[in-house]
Amino acid sequence: MEQKPGAPYPTEADLIRALQARDQSAYAELVERYSPTIYNLALRMMNDREEAEEVLQETFLSAFRAVQRFEGRSQLSTWLYRIAYNAALMRLRKRQLPTTSMDEPAQNEEGDIMPRQLVDWTGRPDEMLLASELRRVLDDAVASLPETLRSVFTLRDIEGLSTAETAEVLGLTETNVKVRLHRARLALRERLSSYFAAVDAVRGAQAGRAYVG
């Protein structure tokens, strides 16, 4: 049965067909369905809300222009991620911001990132993991990653894309995605280990003063 204009799009294939038929309600549906995740990727890439909004707009404008050529070989979300990633990368290059961290972790002879210190920060109380301070520390740590690592970590561990989907978005091999994700996780582990080490030091000092008192 032919779908009526303006009707819901229960499957991605329905939405794609409506988009390619230039159904205006399908355009609105595309924006509503994918704006949050695309904006989140753009914000992680740009670390600036206004520029993330610009990337979001550019992504959908580009998608609207190119949707007639979309063949459905990948998921619609993967296609949009790819457009957004390229738009963000182009903006980063235009404003000539460094795409590598100024405080990168040490590397071994093979080029793998090695944590300078490791503190056991697993098994912490849920309240601490959800604390606003720790969220800020984690956001800052992700933002400090080199772009090559930040994009992989954002897509895989934050947005939940598969290794194959991440590789498609970034134009990498799956092996490269796995290597970069491993390096990103090590770098973040070091940053969080430093944070928890500082927290433990403060608590130790407080406990010592309380004991003396």
Protein backbone atom coordinates (compact mmCIF):
# COMPACT_ATOMS: atom_id res chain seq x y z
CA MET A 1 0.00 0.00 0.00
CA GLU A 2 1.32 3.43 -0.91
CA GLN A 3 2.27 5.59 2.02
CA LYS A 4 0.33 8.81 2.39
CA PRO A 5 2.28 12.09 2.49
CA GLY A 6 2.95 13.19 6.03
CA ALA A 7 2.43 9.73 7.50
CA PRO A 8 4.96 8.37 10.01
CA TYR A 9 8.00 6.56 8.67
CA PRO A 10 8.20 3.26 10.55
CA THR A 11 11.38 2.11 8.81
CA GLU A 12 14.50 3.81 7.56
CA ALA A 13 13.70 2.66 4.03
CA ASP A 14 10.34 4.46 4.25
CA LEU A 15 12.05 7.64 5.36
CA ILE A 16 14.65 7.45 2.59
CA ARG A 17 11.99 6.96 -0.07
CA ALA A 18 10.05 9.94 1.29
CA LEU A 19 13.19 12.09 1.36
CA GLN A 20 14.00 11.21 -2.23
CA ALA A 21 10.40 12.04 -3.16
CA ARG A 22 11.03 15.48 -1.64
CA ASP A 23 8.40 15.03 1.05
CA GLN A 24 8.78 18.06 3.31
CA SER A 25 7.55 16.17 6.36
CA ALA A 26 10.31 13.62 5.77
CA TYR A 27 12.89 16.41 5.93
CA ALA A 28 11.41 17.52 9.26
CA GLU A 29 11.49 13.93 10.49
CA LEU A 30 15.14 13.53 9.49
CA VAL A 31 16.12 16.62 11.45
CA GLU A 32 14.09 15.64 14.50
CA ARG A 33 15.36 12.06 14.50
CA TYR A 34 19.08 12.71 14.05
CA SER A 35 19.76 16.24 15.33
CA PRO A 36 20.70 15.24 18.91
CA THR A 37 23.35 12.70 17.90
CA ILE A 38 24.76 14.82 15.08
CA TYR A 39 24.97 17.84 17.37
CA ASN A 40 26.70 15.77 20.04
CA LEU A 41 29.34 14.64 17.55
CA ALA A 42 29.81 18.22 16.30
CA LEU A 43 30.14 19.57 19.83
CA ARG A 44 32.74 16.95 20.72
CA MET A 45 34.67 17.79 17.57
CA MET A 46 34.46 21.58 17.78
CA ASN A 47 34.27 22.09 21.55
CA ASP A 48 32.19 25.18 20.82
CA ARG A 49 28.39 25.35 20.91
CA GLU A 50 27.96 27.96 18.19
CA GLU A 51 30.24 26.14 15.79
CA ALA A 52 28.53 22.85 16.61
CA GLU A 53 25.23 24.48 15.61
CA GLU A 54 26.82 25.58 12.34
CA VAL A 55 28.08 22.07 11.67
CA LEU A 56 24.61 20.71 12.42
CA GLN A 57 23.01 23.07 9.89
CA GLU A 58 25.66 22.35 7.27
CA THR A 59 25.17 18.62 7.75
CA PHE A 60 21.46 18.68 7.03
CA LEU A 61 21.78 21.15 4.17
CA SER A 62 24.37 18.90 2.56
CA ALA A 63 22.22 15.85 3.22
CA PHE A 64 19.16 17.46 1.62
CA ARG A 65 21.19 18.32 -1.49
CA ALA A 66 22.71 14.86 -1.79
CA VAL A 67 19.86 12.60 -0.69
CA GLN A 68 18.89 11.80 -4.29
CA ARG A 69 22.28 10.12 -4.68
CA PHE A 70 22.02 8.15 -1.44
CA GLU A 71 21.91 4.48 -2.43
CA GLY A 72 21.32 2.98 0.98
CA ARG A 73 24.56 1.01 1.08
CA SER A 74 25.09 2.24 4.62
CA GLN A 75 22.67 3.26 7.32
CA LEU A 76 21.24 6.75 7.08
CA SER A 77 22.77 7.65 10.44
CA THR A 78 26.23 6.52 9.28
CA TRP A 79 25.89 8.64 6.15
CA LEU A 80 24.93 11.68 8.24
CA TYR A 81 27.80 11.09 10.67
CA ARG A 82 30.18 11.04 7.73
CA ILE A 83 28.85 14.38 6.44
CA ALA A 84 29.01 15.92 9.91
CA TYR A 85 32.53 14.65 10.54
CA ASN A 86 33.79 16.11 7.26
CA ALA A 87 32.05 19.44 7.94
CA ALA A 88 33.60 19.65 11.40
CA LEU A 89 37.03 18.64 10.13
CA MET A 90 36.90 21.31 7.44
CA ARG A 91 36.02 23.97 10.02
CA LEU A 92 38.87 22.86 12.26
CA ARG A 93 41.30 23.19 9.39
CA LYS A 94 39.94 26.57 8.32
CA ARG A 95 40.31 28.11 11.74
CA GLN A 96 43.76 26.49 11.96
CA LEU A 97 43.31 25.09 15.43
CA PRO A 98 45.70 22.35 16.48
CA THR A 99 44.16 18.93 16.06
CA THR A 100 46.60 17.31 18.48
CA SER A 101 46.73 17.73 22.22
CA MET A 102 49.41 20.03 23.64
CA ASP A 103 49.73 17.62 26.58
CA GLU A 104 49.73 14.18 25.02
CA PRO A 105 50.55 11.08 27.07
CA ALA A 106 53.90 9.38 26.64
CA GLN A 107 54.38 6.81 23.87
CA ASN A 108 56.40 3.63 23.75
CA GLU A 109 58.72 2.60 20.90
CA GLU A 110 55.80 1.25 18.89
CA GLY A 111 53.95 4.56 19.19
CA ASP A 112 51.30 3.27 21.59
CA ILE A 113 50.14 5.68 24.27
CA MET A 114 51.30 4.55 27.69
CA PRO A 115 49.75 5.86 30.91
CA ARG A 116 52.24 7.69 33.12
CA GLN A 117 50.47 6.54 36.24
CA LEU A 118 47.64 4.15 36.84
CA VAL A 119 45.34 4.33 39.82
CA ASP A 120 42.54 1.86 40.30
CA TRP A 121 39.46 3.97 39.57
CA THR A 122 37.13 1.07 38.81
CA GLY A 123 34.42 0.16 41.23
CA ARG A 124 33.87 3.74 42.40
CA PRO A 125 30.44 4.58 43.83
CA ASP A 126 27.82 5.47 41.23
CA GLU A 127 27.31 8.81 42.96
CA MET A 128 30.90 9.76 42.26
CA LEU A 129 30.76 8.62 38.65
CA LEU A 130 27.70 10.80 38.12
CA ALA A 131 29.07 13.80 39.99
CA SER A 132 29.14 17.03 38.03
CA GLU A 133 32.83 17.53 38.75
CA LEU A 134 33.77 14.15 37.33
CA ARG A 135 31.57 14.78 34.30
CA ARG A 136 33.46 18.01 33.71
CA VAL A 137 36.79 16.24 34.11
CA LEU A 138 35.74 13.56 31.63
CA ASP A 139 34.44 16.11 29.13
CA ASP A 140 37.69 18.07 29.40
CA ALA A 141 39.71 14.87 28.97
CA VAL A 142 37.79 13.91 25.82
CA ALA A 143 38.18 17.44 24.45
CA SER A 144 41.93 17.29 25.03
CA LEU A 145 42.38 14.18 22.91
CA PRO A 146 43.92 14.60 19.46
CA GLU A 147 41.18 14.83 16.82
CA THR A 148 42.13 11.44 15.41
CA LEU A 149 41.46 9.80 18.77
CA ARG A 150 38.58 12.01 19.89
CA SER A 151 36.47 11.24 16.82
CA VAL A 152 36.92 7.48 17.21
CA PHE A 153 36.14 7.56 20.94
CA THR A 154 33.07 9.75 20.40
CA LEU A 155 31.60 7.52 17.71
CA ARG A 156 32.39 4.20 19.38
CA ASP A 157 32.08 4.76 23.11
CA ILE A 158 29.72 7.73 23.28
CA GLU A 159 27.46 7.34 20.25
CA GLY A 160 27.66 3.55 20.27
CA LEU A 161 28.52 2.94 16.62
CA SER A 162 30.05 -0.40 15.74
CA THR A 163 33.68 -0.71 14.70
CA ALA A 164 32.59 -1.18 11.09
CA GLU A 165 30.31 1.88 11.16
CA THR A 166 33.00 4.02 12.76
CA ALA A 167 35.49 2.90 10.13
CA GLU A 168 33.04 3.86 7.39
CA VAL A 169 32.36 7.30 8.87
CA LEU A 170 36.03 8.13 9.33
CA GLY A 171 37.35 6.44 6.21
CA LEU A 172 39.58 4.10 8.21
CA THR A 173 40.15 0.39 8.36
CA GLU A 174 38.56 -1.48 11.24
CA THR A 175 42.05 -2.27 12.53
CA ASN A 176 42.90 1.44 12.65
CA VAL A 177 39.67 2.14 14.52
CA LYS A 178 40.54 -0.49 17.14
CA VAL A 179 44.08 0.87 17.56
CA ARG A 180 42.90 4.46 17.91
CA LEU A 181 40.14 3.50 20.32
CA HIS A 182 42.66 1.64 22.47
CA ARG A 183 44.94 4.68 22.53
CA ALA A 184 42.04 7.00 23.36
CA ARG A 185 40.96 4.83 26.25
CA LEU A 186 44.51 4.69 27.62
CA ALA A 187 44.83 8.46 27.39
CA LEU A 188 41.51 8.98 29.17
CA ARG A 189 42.43 6.40 31.79
CA GLU A 190 45.57 8.39 32.54
CA ARG A 191 43.64 11.65 32.86
CA LEU A 192 41.06 10.08 35.16
CA SER A 193 43.74 8.25 37.14
CA SER A 194 45.41 11.61 37.79
CA TYR A 195 42.08 13.02 38.91
CA PHE A 196 41.35 10.18 41.31
CA ALA A 197 44.92 10.27 42.62
CA ALA A 198 44.42 13.96 43.48
CA VAL A 199 41.05 13.22 45.10
CA ASP A 200 42.58 10.43 47.18
CA ALA A 201 45.45 12.71 48.22
CA VAL A 202 43.02 15.38 49.41
CA ARG A 203 40.97 12.80 51.30
CA GLY A 204 44.11 11.40 52.88
CA ALA A 205 45.19 14.84 54.04
CA GLN A 206 41.73 15.53 55.44
CA ALA A 207 41.72 12.21 57.26
CA GLY A 208 45.18 12.95 58.70
CA ARG A 209 44.09 16.33 60.01
CA ALA A 210 40.98 14.78 61.52
CA TYR A 211 43.11 12.11 63.23
CA VAL A 212 45.53 14.68 64.61
CA GLY A 213 42.67 16.82 65.76
